[in-house]
Amino acid sequence: MEQTEFKLRLPDLELAEANVVASALKEIMEEAADDVSVVRQKDDPRTMDMGATLAIILSAPAIIEVVKGIAAYFLARPDLKSSVEFETEHGRFSFRNISPGDAREIAEMLLKK
C-alpha cells in the first residue's frame, strides 16, 4: 500500500505549549489508525525539548481518520489559537481554526502528487 509522508508544525505556539500539543496529537494519530508512524522532531537541536514537529508516515486510507482526530483535538480546545502547518514534498499549507469540516480538504491536499 502506498505511503504518504508529511510534517505537522504548530508555528503560533510557544515551544513549551507546542511540545504539549505535539505529544497529545502524536497519541491521537497513533490511536486513529494502525498503520501510522509518528516521530517527534526538533526544529532546533540546541533546545532541550522533545521536539514539537511531528513527522508522519501513513497509508492513504488512514489519512482521513488521522486528520479528523487532529481537527477534533482543536475543536475541543477553542482557547488554543494556533494555525496547523502541514508540509509535504510538494509544499506547505496551513489551516487556522481547524475543524472536522476541514478534514476532507486537508486529506486531499496531503494526497496531491
PDB file of N, CA and C in Angstrom:
ATOM      1  N   MET A   1       0.848  -1.172   0.000  1.00  0.00           N
ATOM      2  CA  MET A   1       0.000   0.000   0.000  1.00  0.00           C
ATOM      3  C   MET A   1       0.899   1.243   0.000  1.00  0.00           C
ATOM      4  N   GLU A   2       0.517   2.230  -0.790  1.00  0.00           N
ATOM      5  CA  GLU A   2       1.304   3.448  -0.904  1.00  0.00           C
ATOM      6  C   GLU A   2       1.278   4.245   0.400  1.00  0.00           C
ATOM      7  N   GLN A   3       2.426   4.762   0.752  1.00  0.00           N
ATOM      8  CA  GLN A   3       2.568   5.535   1.983  1.00  0.00           C
ATOM      9  C   GLN A   3       2.605   7.027   1.660  1.00  0.00           C
ATOM     10  N   THR A   4       2.083   7.828   2.554  1.00  0.00           N
ATOM     11  CA  THR A   4       2.123   9.283   2.464  1.00  0.00           C
ATOM     12  C   THR A   4       2.928   9.796   3.646  1.00  0.00           C
ATOM     13  N   GLU A   5       3.785  10.767   3.372  1.00  0.00           N
ATOM     14  CA  GLU A   5       4.615  11.364   4.416  1.00  0.00           C
ATOM     15  C   GLU A   5       4.349  12.856   4.482  1.00  0.00           C
ATOM     16  N   PHE A   6       4.286  13.378   5.704  1.00  0.00           N
ATOM     17  CA  PHE A   6       4.174  14.819   5.876  1.00  0.00           C
ATOM     18  C   PHE A   6       4.657  15.202   7.268  1.00  0.00           C
ATOM     19  N   LYS A   7       4.892  16.490   7.445  1.00  0.00           N
ATOM     20  CA  LYS A   7       5.260  17.022   8.752  1.00  0.00           C
ATOM     21  C   LYS A   7       4.157  17.955   9.210  1.00  0.00           C
ATOM     22  N   LEU A   8       3.994  18.046  10.502  1.00  0.00           N
ATOM     23  CA  LEU A   8       2.997  18.914  11.100  1.00  0.00           C
ATOM     24  C   LEU A   8       3.708  19.820  12.095  1.00  0.00           C
ATOM     25  N   ARG A   9       3.449  21.113  11.980  1.00  0.00           N
ATOM     26  CA  ARG A   9       4.039  22.094  12.898  1.00  0.00           C
ATOM     27  C   ARG A   9       2.941  22.985  13.472  1.00  0.00           C
ATOM     28  N   LEU A  10       3.240  23.577  14.603  1.00  0.00           N
ATOM     29  CA  LEU A  10       2.328  24.491  15.290  1.00  0.00           C
ATOM     30  C   LEU A  10       3.058  25.830  15.448  1.00  0.00           C
ATOM     31  N   PRO A  11       3.141  26.613  14.389  1.00  0.00           N
ATOM     32  CA  PRO A  11       4.007  27.788  14.388  1.00  0.00           C
ATOM     33  C   PRO A  11       3.602  28.928  15.313  1.00  0.00           C
ATOM     34  N   ASP A  12       2.353  28.969  15.757  1.00  0.00           N
ATOM     35  CA  ASP A  12       1.892  30.089  16.572  1.00  0.00           C
ATOM     36  C   ASP A  12       2.067  29.878  18.070  1.00  0.00           C
ATOM     37  N   LEU A  13       2.497  28.684  18.468  1.00  0.00           N
ATOM     38  CA  LEU A  13       2.598  28.373  19.894  1.00  0.00           C
ATOM     39  C   LEU A  13       4.023  28.533  20.405  1.00  0.00           C
ATOM     40  N   GLU A  14       4.133  28.924  21.663  1.00  0.00           N
ATOM     41  CA  GLU A  14       5.435  28.926  22.321  1.00  0.00           C
ATOM     42  C   GLU A  14       5.919  27.480  22.393  1.00  0.00           C
ATOM     43  N   LEU A  15       7.219  27.296  22.455  1.00  0.00           N
ATOM     44  CA  LEU A  15       7.810  25.960  22.393  1.00  0.00           C
ATOM     45  C   LEU A  15       7.244  25.005  23.445  1.00  0.00           C
ATOM     46  N   ALA A  16       7.096  25.453  24.677  1.00  0.00           N
ATOM     47  CA  ALA A  16       6.590  24.566  25.735  1.00  0.00           C
ATOM     48  C   ALA A  16       5.171  24.086  25.423  1.00  0.00           C
ATOM     49  N   GLU A  17       4.309  25.009  25.003  1.00  0.00           N
ATOM     50  CA  GLU A  17       2.936  24.626  24.685  1.00  0.00           C
ATOM     51  C   GLU A  17       2.893  23.767  23.421  1.00  0.00           C
ATOM     52  N   ALA A  18       3.729  24.095  22.436  1.00  0.00           N
ATOM     53  CA  ALA A  18       3.785  23.303  21.207  1.00  0.00           C
ATOM     54  C   ALA A  18       4.185  21.862  21.513  1.00  0.00           C
ATOM     55  N   ASN A  19       5.094  21.672  22.469  1.00  0.00           N
ATOM     56  CA  ASN A  19       5.506  20.320  22.853  1.00  0.00           C
ATOM     57  C   ASN A  19       4.357  19.545  23.480  1.00  0.00           C
ATOM     58  N   VAL A  20       3.569  20.200  24.316  1.00  0.00           N
ATOM     59  CA  VAL A  20       2.423  19.543  24.953  1.00  0.00           C
ATOM     60  C   VAL A  20       1.401  19.133  23.894  1.00  0.00           C
ATOM     61  N   VAL A  21       1.110  20.043  22.977  1.00  0.00           N
ATOM     62  CA  VAL A  21       0.136  19.757  21.922  1.00  0.00           C
ATOM     63  C   VAL A  21       0.677  18.664  20.989  1.00  0.00           C
ATOM     64  N   ALA A  22       1.952  18.744  20.630  1.00  0.00           N
ATOM     65  CA  ALA A  22       2.550  17.725  19.752  1.00  0.00           C
ATOM     66  C   ALA A  22       2.463  16.338  20.382  1.00  0.00           C
ATOM     67  N   SER A  23       2.705  16.270  21.670  1.00  0.00           N
ATOM     68  CA  SER A  23       2.612  14.987  22.368  1.00  0.00           C
ATOM     69  C   SER A  23       1.190  14.433  22.314  1.00  0.00           C
ATOM     70  N   ALA A  24       0.209  15.296  22.551  1.00  0.00           N
ATOM     71  CA  ALA A  24      -1.186  14.861  22.503  1.00  0.00           C
ATOM     72  C   ALA A  24      -1.588  14.444  21.088  1.00  0.00           C
ATOM     73  N   LEU A  25      -1.170  15.217  20.093  1.00  0.00           N
ATOM     74  CA  LEU A  25      -1.510  14.878  18.704  1.00  0.00           C
ATOM     75  C   LEU A  25      -0.857  13.577  18.265  1.00  0.00           C
ATOM     76  N   LYS A  26       0.357  13.337  18.717  1.00  0.00           N
ATOM     77  CA  LYS A  26       1.048  12.078  18.394  1.00  0.00           C
ATOM     78  C   LYS A  26       0.220  10.896  18.891  1.00  0.00           C
ATOM     79  N   GLU A  27      -0.241  10.993  20.121  1.00  0.00           N
ATOM     80  CA  GLU A  27      -1.043   9.922  20.711  1.00  0.00           C
ATOM     81  C   GLU A  27      -2.363   9.737  19.953  1.00  0.00           C
ATOM     82  N   ILE A  28      -3.007  10.839  19.606  1.00  0.00           N
ATOM     83  CA  ILE A  28      -4.275  10.780  18.868  1.00  0.00           C
ATOM     84  C   ILE A  28      -4.079  10.108  17.520  1.00  0.00           C
ATOM     85  N   MET A  29      -3.019  10.489  16.816  1.00  0.00           N
ATOM     86  CA  MET A  29      -2.777   9.917  15.489  1.00  0.00           C
ATOM     87  C   MET A  29      -2.472   8.426  15.564  1.00  0.00           C
ATOM     88  N   GLU A  30      -1.695   8.032  16.554  1.00  0.00           N
ATOM     89  CA  GLU A  30      -1.344   6.613  16.695  1.00  0.00           C
ATOM     90  C   GLU A  30      -2.564   5.771  17.056  1.00  0.00           C
ATOM     91  N   GLU A  31      -3.524   6.361  17.752  1.00  0.00           N
ATOM     92  CA  GLU A  31      -4.751   5.646  18.093  1.00  0.00           C
ATOM     93  C   GLU A  31      -5.753   5.632  16.950  1.00  0.00           C
ATOM     94  N   ALA A  32      -5.638   6.597  16.029  1.00  0.00           N
ATOM     95  CA  ALA A  32      -6.610   6.725  14.936  1.00  0.00           C
ATOM     96  C   ALA A  32      -6.471   5.628  13.889  1.00  0.00           C
ATOM     97  N   ALA A  33      -5.254   5.125  13.702  1.00  0.00           N
ATOM     98  CA  ALA A  33      -5.032   4.111  12.663  1.00  0.00           C
ATOM     99  C   ALA A  33      -3.869   3.218  13.050  1.00  0.00           C
ATOM    100  N   ASP A  34      -3.931   1.965  12.624  1.00  0.00           N
ATOM    101  CA  ASP A  34      -2.868   1.010  12.944  1.00  0.00           C
ATOM    102  C   ASP A  34      -1.595   1.247  12.147  1.00  0.00           C
ATOM    103  N   ASP A  35      -1.749   1.743  10.939  1.00  0.00           N
ATOM    104  CA  ASP A  35      -0.597   1.861  10.047  1.00  0.00           C
ATOM    105  C   ASP A  35      -0.051   3.290   9.968  1.00  0.00           C
ATOM    106  N   VAL A  36       0.087   3.920  11.116  1.00  0.00           N
ATOM    107  CA  VAL A  36       0.639   5.271  11.161  1.00  0.00           C
ATOM    108  C   VAL A  36       1.896   5.269  12.024  1.00  0.00           C
ATOM    109  N   SER A  37       2.896   5.977  11.558  1.00  0.00           N
ATOM    110  CA  SER A  37       4.136   6.154  12.309  1.00  0.00           C
ATOM    111  C   SER A  37       4.306   7.651  12.553  1.00  0.00           C
ATOM    112  N   VAL A  38       4.457   8.031  13.808  1.00  0.00           N
ATOM    113  CA  VAL A  38       4.612   9.438  14.169  1.00  0.00           C
ATOM    114  C   VAL A  38       5.875   9.578  15.000  1.00  0.00           C
ATOM    115  N   VAL A  39       6.763  10.453  14.549  1.00  0.00           N
ATOM    116  CA  VAL A  39       8.028  10.702  15.248  1.00  0.00           C
ATOM    117  C   VAL A  39       8.136  12.189  15.540  1.00  0.00           C
ATOM    118  N   ARG A  40       8.459  12.500  16.781  1.00  0.00           N
ATOM    119  CA  ARG A  40       8.678  13.910  17.137  1.00  0.00           C
ATOM    120  C   ARG A  40      10.077  14.318  16.713  1.00  0.00           C
ATOM    121  N   GLN A  41      10.172  15.525  16.137  1.00  0.00           N
ATOM    122  CA  GLN A  41      11.457  16.047  15.695  1.00  0.00           C
ATOM    123  C   GLN A  41      11.670  17.443  16.256  1.00  0.00           C
ATOM    124  N   LYS A  42      12.923  17.749  16.482  1.00  0.00           N
ATOM    125  CA  LYS A  42      13.284  19.085  16.965  1.00  0.00           C
ATOM    126  C   LYS A  42      13.593  19.982  15.780  1.00  0.00           C
ATOM    127  N   ASP A  43      13.101  21.209  15.831  1.00  0.00           N
ATOM    128  CA  ASP A  43      13.452  22.179  14.801  1.00  0.00           C
ATOM    129  C   ASP A  43      14.794  22.831  15.107  1.00  0.00           C
ATOM    130  N   ASP A  44      15.134  22.875  16.389  1.00  0.00           N
ATOM    131  CA  ASP A  44      16.387  23.486  16.815  1.00  0.00           C
ATOM    132  C   ASP A  44      17.132  22.484  17.700  1.00  0.00           C
ATOM    133  N   PRO A  45      18.239  21.936  17.222  1.00  0.00           N
ATOM    134  CA  PRO A  45      18.955  20.918  18.001  1.00  0.00           C
ATOM    135  C   PRO A  45      19.549  21.438  19.308  1.00  0.00           C
ATOM    136  N   ARG A  46      19.575  22.745  19.490  1.00  0.00           N
ATOM    137  CA  ARG A  46      20.147  23.319  20.720  1.00  0.00           C
ATOM    138  C   ARG A  46      19.163  23.351  21.881  1.00  0.00           C
ATOM    139  N   THR A  47      17.891  23.092  21.619  1.00  0.00           N
ATOM    140  CA  THR A  47      16.902  23.131  22.694  1.00  0.00           C
ATOM    141  C   THR A  47      16.851  21.795  23.425  1.00  0.00           C
ATOM    142  N   MET A  48      16.296  21.818  24.624  1.00  0.00           N
ATOM    143  CA  MET A  48      16.229  20.616  25.465  1.00  0.00           C
ATOM    144  C   MET A  48      14.878  19.897  25.354  1.00  0.00           C
ATOM    145  N   ASP A  49      14.010  20.355  24.472  1.00  0.00           N
ATOM    146  CA  ASP A  49      12.677  19.771  24.367  1.00  0.00           C
ATOM    147  C   ASP A  49      12.693  18.468  23.566  1.00  0.00           C
ATOM    148  N   MET A  50      11.563  17.791  23.554  1.00  0.00           N
ATOM    149  CA  MET A  50      11.430  16.523  22.824  1.00  0.00           C
ATOM    150  C   MET A  50      11.221  16.748  21.331  1.00  0.00           C
ATOM    151  N   GLY A  51      10.794  17.929  20.975  1.00  0.00           N
ATOM    152  CA  GLY A  51      10.513  18.244  19.580  1.00  0.00           C
ATOM    153  C   GLY A  51       9.036  18.479  19.363  1.00  0.00           C
ATOM    154  N   ALA A  52       8.704  19.618  18.775  1.00  0.00           N
ATOM    155  CA  ALA A  52       7.303  19.973  18.564  1.00  0.00           C
ATOM    156  C   ALA A  52       6.854  19.761  17.128  1.00  0.00           C
ATOM    157  N   THR A  53       7.747  19.297  16.275  1.00  0.00           N
ATOM    158  CA  THR A  53       7.381  18.959  14.902  1.00  0.00           C
ATOM    159  C   THR A  53       7.110  17.457  14.843  1.00  0.00           C
ATOM    160  N   LEU A  54       6.037  17.100  14.170  1.00  0.00           N
ATOM    161  CA  LEU A  54       5.700  15.685  14.021  1.00  0.00           C
ATOM    162  C   LEU A  54       5.945  15.254  12.585  1.00  0.00           C
ATOM    163  N   ALA A  55       6.709  14.196  12.405  1.00  0.00           N
ATOM    164  CA  ALA A  55       6.919  13.588  11.088  1.00  0.00           C
ATOM    165  C   ALA A  55       6.017  12.365  11.031  1.00  0.00           C
ATOM    166  N   ILE A  56       5.127  12.343  10.053  1.00  0.00           N
ATOM    167  CA  ILE A  56       4.103  11.318   9.981  1.00  0.00           C
ATOM    168  C   ILE A  56       4.220  10.517   8.686  1.00  0.00           C
ATOM    169  N   ILE A  57       4.129   9.208   8.806  1.00  0.00           N
ATOM    170  CA  ILE A  57       4.075   8.311   7.651  1.00  0.00           C
ATOM    171  C   ILE A  57       2.853   7.425   7.849  1.00  0.00           C
ATOM    172  N   LEU A  58       1.987   7.375   6.838  1.00  0.00           N
ATOM    173  CA  LEU A  58       0.777   6.580   6.955  1.00  0.00           C
ATOM    174  C   LEU A  58       0.248   6.219   5.579  1.00  0.00           C
ATOM    175  N   SER A  59      -0.678   5.281   5.550  1.00  0.00           N
ATOM    176  CA  SER A  59      -1.299   4.881   4.288  1.00  0.00           C
ATOM    177  C   SER A  59      -2.401   5.876   3.941  1.00  0.00           C
ATOM    178  N   ALA A  60      -2.719   5.945   2.674  1.00  0.00           N
ATOM    179  CA  ALA A  60      -3.756   6.873   2.216  1.00  0.00           C
ATOM    180  C   ALA A  60      -5.093   6.666   2.939  1.00  0.00           C
ATOM    181  N   PRO A  61      -5.546   5.429   3.131  1.00  0.00           N
ATOM    182  CA  PRO A  61      -6.828   5.254   3.818  1.00  0.00           C
ATOM    183  C   PRO A  61      -6.834   5.783   5.264  1.00  0.00           C
ATOM    184  N   ALA A  62      -5.689   5.857   5.891  1.00  0.00           N
ATOM    185  CA  ALA A  62      -5.621   6.314   7.279  1.00  0.00           C
ATOM    186  C   ALA A  62      -5.648   7.832   7.396  1.00  0.00           C
ATOM    187  N   ILE A  63      -5.379   8.533   6.312  1.00  0.00           N
ATOM    188  CA  ILE A  63      -5.248   9.993   6.385  1.00  0.00           C
ATOM    189  C   ILE A  63      -6.499  10.665   6.919  1.00  0.00           C
ATOM    190  N   ILE A  64      -7.652  10.310   6.414  1.00  0.00           N
ATOM    191  CA  ILE A  64      -8.879  10.998   6.830  1.00  0.00           C
ATOM    192  C   ILE A  64      -9.139  10.813   8.321  1.00  0.00           C
ATOM    193  N   GLU A  65      -8.892   9.596   8.851  1.00  0.00           N
ATOM    194  CA  GLU A  65      -9.103   9.353  10.282  1.00  0.00           C
ATOM    195  C   GLU A  65      -8.106  10.146  11.128  1.00  0.00           C
ATOM    196  N   VAL A  66      -6.872  10.213  10.684  1.00  0.00           N
ATOM    197  CA  VAL A  66      -5.852  10.968  11.412  1.00  0.00           C
ATOM    198  C   VAL A  66      -6.189  12.452  11.412  1.00  0.00           C
ATOM    199  N   VAL A  67      -6.581  12.982  10.259  1.00  0.00           N
ATOM    200  CA  VAL A  67      -6.914  14.405  10.164  1.00  0.00           C
ATOM    201  C   VAL A  67      -8.158  14.724  10.987  1.00  0.00           C
ATOM    202  N   LYS A  68      -9.125  13.838  11.002  1.00  0.00           N
ATOM    203  CA  LYS A  68     -10.314  14.042  11.842  1.00  0.00           C
ATOM    204  C   LYS A  68      -9.921  14.105  13.316  1.00  0.00           C
ATOM    205  N   GLY A  69      -8.976  13.260  13.721  1.00  0.00           N
ATOM    206  CA  GLY A  69      -8.501  13.291  15.107  1.00  0.00           C
ATOM    207  C   GLY A  69      -7.818  14.605  15.449  1.00  0.00           C
ATOM    208  N   ILE A  70      -7.008  15.105  14.535  1.00  0.00           N
ATOM    209  CA  ILE A  70      -6.344  16.400  14.734  1.00  0.00           C
ATOM    210  C   ILE A  70      -7.395  17.502  14.877  1.00  0.00           C
ATOM    211  N   ALA A  71      -8.363  17.508  13.970  1.00  0.00           N
ATOM    212  CA  ALA A  71      -9.404  18.526  13.996  1.00  0.00           C
ATOM    213  C   ALA A  71     -10.230  18.463  15.278  1.00  0.00           C
ATOM    214  N   ALA A  72     -10.567  17.260  15.708  1.00  0.00           N
ATOM    215  CA  ALA A  72     -11.353  17.099  16.937  1.00  0.00           C
ATOM    216  C   ALA A  72     -10.591  17.631  18.147  1.00  0.00           C
ATOM    217  N   TYR A  73      -9.282  17.432  18.160  1.00  0.00           N
ATOM    218  CA  TYR A  73      -8.455  17.948  19.258  1.00  0.00           C
ATOM    219  C   TYR A  73      -8.583  19.466  19.343  1.00  0.00           C
ATOM    220  N   PHE A  74      -8.461  20.144  18.215  1.00  0.00           N
ATOM    221  CA  PHE A  74      -8.534  21.603  18.225  1.00  0.00           C
ATOM    222  C   PHE A  74      -9.950  22.100  18.483  1.00  0.00           C
ATOM    223  N   LEU A  75     -10.951  21.387  18.009  1.00  0.00           N
ATOM    224  CA  LEU A  75     -12.340  21.765  18.253  1.00  0.00           C
ATOM    225  C   LEU A  75     -12.655  21.717  19.752  1.00  0.00           C
ATOM    226  N   ALA A  76     -12.087  20.750  20.441  1.00  0.00           N
ATOM    227  CA  ALA A  76     -12.318  20.602  21.881  1.00  0.00           C
ATOM    228  C   ALA A  76     -11.543  21.634  22.704  1.00  0.00           C
ATOM    229  N   ARG A  77     -10.656  22.369  22.061  1.00  0.00           N
ATOM    230  CA  ARG A  77      -9.839  23.371  22.752  1.00  0.00           C
ATOM    231  C   ARG A  77      -9.917  24.713  22.026  1.00  0.00           C
ATOM    232  N   PRO A  78     -11.062  25.377  22.100  1.00  0.00           N
ATOM    233  CA  PRO A  78     -11.227  26.636  21.364  1.00  0.00           C
ATOM    234  C   PRO A  78     -10.284  27.746  21.833  1.00  0.00           C
ATOM    235  N   ASP A  79      -9.757  27.616  23.036  1.00  0.00           N
ATOM    236  CA  ASP A  79      -8.812  28.612  23.544  1.00  0.00           C
ATOM    237  C   ASP A  79      -7.421  28.454  22.932  1.00  0.00           C
ATOM    238  N   LEU A  80      -7.171  27.344  22.270  1.00  0.00           N
ATOM    239  CA  LEU A  80      -5.879  27.073  21.649  1.00  0.00           C
ATOM    240  C   LEU A  80      -5.847  27.744  20.281  1.00  0.00           C
ATOM    241  N   LYS A  81      -5.205  28.880  20.227  1.00  0.00           N
ATOM    242  CA  LYS A  81      -5.180  29.683  19.000  1.00  0.00           C
ATOM    243  C   LYS A  81      -3.892  29.421  18.238  1.00  0.00           C
ATOM    244  N   SER A  82      -3.923  28.458  17.362  1.00  0.00           N
ATOM    245  CA  SER A  82      -2.742  28.157  16.566  1.00  0.00           C
ATOM    246  C   SER A  82      -3.147  27.684  15.186  1.00  0.00           C
ATOM    247  N   SER A  83      -2.384  28.105  14.212  1.00  0.00           N
ATOM    248  CA  SER A  83      -2.561  27.503  12.898  1.00  0.00           C
ATOM    249  C   SER A  83      -1.833  26.161  12.934  1.00  0.00           C
ATOM    250  N   VAL A  84      -2.226  25.280  12.054  1.00  0.00           N
ATOM    251  CA  VAL A  84      -1.572  23.988  11.915  1.00  0.00           C
ATOM    252  C   VAL A  84      -0.945  23.978  10.527  1.00  0.00           C
ATOM    253  N   GLU A  85       0.363  23.805  10.496  1.00  0.00           N
ATOM    254  CA  GLU A  85       1.078  23.821   9.231  1.00  0.00           C
ATOM    255  C   GLU A  85       1.420  22.394   8.826  1.00  0.00           C
ATOM    256  N   PHE A  86       1.084  22.056   7.591  1.00  0.00           N
ATOM    257  CA  PHE A  86       1.389  20.745   7.027  1.00  0.00           C
ATOM    258  C   PHE A  86       2.446  20.940   5.951  1.00  0.00           C
ATOM    259  N   GLU A  87       3.440  20.067   5.922  1.00  0.00           N
ATOM    260  CA  GLU A  87       4.481  20.138   4.908  1.00  0.00           C
ATOM    261  C   GLU A  87       4.618  18.776   4.237  1.00  0.00           C
ATOM    262  N   THR A  88       4.487  18.775   2.919  1.00  0.00           N
ATOM    263  CA  THR A  88       4.693  17.565   2.127  1.00  0.00           C
ATOM    264  C   THR A  88       5.875  17.819   1.201  1.00  0.00           C
ATOM    265  N   GLU A  89       6.220  16.824   0.418  1.00  0.00           N
ATOM    266  CA  GLU A  89       7.312  17.014  -0.539  1.00  0.00           C
ATOM    267  C   GLU A  89       6.940  18.024  -1.617  1.00  0.00           C
ATOM    268  N   HIS A  90       5.660  18.347  -1.729  1.00  0.00           N
ATOM    269  CA  HIS A  90       5.188  19.268  -2.763  1.00  0.00           C
ATOM    270  C   HIS A  90       4.958  20.680  -2.250  1.00  0.00           C
ATOM    271  N   GLY A  91       5.159  20.923  -0.967  1.00  0.00           N
ATOM    272  CA  GLY A  91       4.981  22.269  -0.431  1.00  0.00           C
ATOM    273  C   GLY A  91       4.337  22.280   0.934  1.00  0.00           C
ATOM    274  N   ARG A  92       4.014  23.482   1.368  1.00  0.00           N
ATOM    275  CA  ARG A  92       3.405  23.683   2.688  1.00  0.00           C
ATOM    276  C   ARG A  92       2.048  24.344   2.543  1.00  0.00           C
ATOM    277  N   PHE A  93       1.172  24.049   3.484  1.00  0.00           N
ATOM    278  CA  PHE A  93      -0.104  24.743   3.581  1.00  0.00           C
ATOM    279  C   PHE A  93      -0.511  24.745   5.044  1.00  0.00           C
ATOM    280  N   SER A  94      -1.329  25.705   5.422  1.00  0.00           N
ATOM    281  CA  SER A  94      -1.737  25.770   6.827  1.00  0.00           C
ATOM    282  C   SER A  94      -3.220  26.090   6.938  1.00  0.00           C
ATOM    283  N   PHE A  95      -3.769  25.712   8.091  1.00  0.00           N
ATOM    284  CA  PHE A  95      -5.160  25.968   8.419  1.00  0.00           C
ATOM    285  C   PHE A  95      -5.198  26.642   9.787  1.00  0.00           C
ATOM    286  N   ARG A  96      -6.052  27.619   9.924  1.00  0.00           N
ATOM    287  CA  ARG A  96      -6.273  28.273  11.209  1.00  0.00           C
ATOM    288  C   ARG A  96      -7.667  27.870  11.669  1.00  0.00           C
ATOM    289  N   ASN A  97      -7.830  27.661  12.949  1.00  0.00           N
ATOM    290  CA  ASN A  97      -9.126  27.236  13.500  1.00  0.00           C
ATOM    291  C   ASN A  97      -9.629  25.978  12.777  1.00  0.00           C
ATOM    292  N   ILE A  98      -8.762  24.999  12.708  1.00  0.00           N
ATOM    293  CA  ILE A  98      -9.066  23.741  12.019  1.00  0.00           C
ATOM    294  C   ILE A  98     -10.292  23.083  12.657  1.00  0.00           C
ATOM    295  N   SER A  99     -11.140  22.513  11.817  1.00  0.00           N
ATOM    296  CA  SER A  99     -12.345  21.840  12.308  1.00  0.00           C
ATOM    297  C   SER A  99     -12.545  20.540  11.546  1.00  0.00           C
ATOM    298  N   PRO A 100     -13.423  19.669  12.046  1.00  0.00           N
ATOM    299  CA  PRO A 100     -13.663  18.409  11.340  1.00  0.00           C
ATOM    300  C   PRO A 100     -14.128  18.610   9.897  1.00  0.00           C
ATOM    301  N   GLY A 101     -14.781  19.726   9.628  1.00  0.00           N
ATOM    302  CA  GLY A 101     -15.216  20.014   8.265  1.00  0.00           C
ATOM    303  C   GLY A 101     -14.056  20.225   7.297  1.00  0.00           C
ATOM    304  N   ASP A 102     -12.872  20.516   7.831  1.00  0.00           N
ATOM    305  CA  ASP A 102     -11.682  20.719   7.000  1.00  0.00           C
ATOM    306  C   ASP A 102     -10.988  19.399   6.659  1.00  0.00           C
ATOM    307  N   ALA A 103     -11.384  18.316   7.282  1.00  0.00           N
ATOM    308  CA  ALA A 103     -10.653  17.042   7.167  1.00  0.00           C
ATOM    309  C   ALA A 103     -10.509  16.570   5.724  1.00  0.00           C
ATOM    310  N   ARG A 104     -11.582  16.621   4.963  1.00  0.00           N
ATOM    311  CA  ARG A 104     -11.513  16.135   3.579  1.00  0.00           C
ATOM    312  C   ARG A 104     -10.561  16.993   2.741  1.00  0.00           C
ATOM    313  N   GLU A 105     -10.654  18.314   2.888  1.00  0.00           N
ATOM    314  CA  GLU A 105      -9.774  19.206   2.119  1.00  0.00           C
ATOM    315  C   GLU A 105      -8.308  18.993   2.491  1.00  0.00           C
ATOM    316  N   ILE A 106      -8.038  18.843   3.779  1.00  0.00           N
ATOM    317  CA  ILE A 106      -6.660  18.598   4.213  1.00  0.00           C
ATOM    318  C   ILE A 106      -6.154  17.266   3.658  1.00  0.00           C
ATOM    319  N   ALA A 107      -6.979  16.233   3.753  1.00  0.00           N
ATOM    320  CA  ALA A 107      -6.586  14.911   3.237  1.00  0.00           C
ATOM    321  C   ALA A 107      -6.286  14.993   1.741  1.00  0.00           C
ATOM    322  N   GLU A 108      -7.116  15.688   0.991  1.00  0.00           N
ATOM    323  CA  GLU A 108      -6.875  15.831  -0.447  1.00  0.00           C
ATOM    324  C   GLU A 108      -5.558  16.546  -0.721  1.00  0.00           C
ATOM    325  N   MET A 109      -5.265  17.576   0.068  1.00  0.00           N
ATOM    326  CA  MET A 109      -4.015  18.306  -0.123  1.00  0.00           C
ATOM    327  C   MET A 109      -2.806  17.441   0.231  1.00  0.00           C
ATOM    328  N   LEU A 110      -2.936  16.608   1.258  1.00  0.00           N
ATOM    329  CA  LEU A 110      -1.837  15.724   1.647  1.00  0.00           C
ATOM    330  C   LEU A 110      -1.591  14.638   0.599  1.00  0.00           C
ATOM    331  N   LEU A 111      -2.629  14.260  -0.120  1.00  0.00           N
ATOM    332  CA  LEU A 111      -2.508  13.194  -1.117  1.00  0.00           C
ATOM    333  C   LEU A 111      -2.100  13.680  -2.498  1.00  0.00           C
ATOM    334  N   LYS A 112      -2.058  14.989  -2.689  1.00  0.00           N
ATOM    335  CA  LYS A 112      -1.686  15.529  -4.000  1.00  0.00           C
ATOM    336  C   LYS A 112      -0.303  15.059  -4.401  1.00  0.00           C
ATOM    337  N   LYS A 113      -0.177  14.689  -5.628  1.00  0.00           N
ATOM    338  CA  LYS A 113       1.120  14.249  -6.169  1.00  0.00           C
ATOM    339  C   LYS A 113       1.643  15.254  -7.150  1.00  0.00           C
TER     340      LYS A 113
END
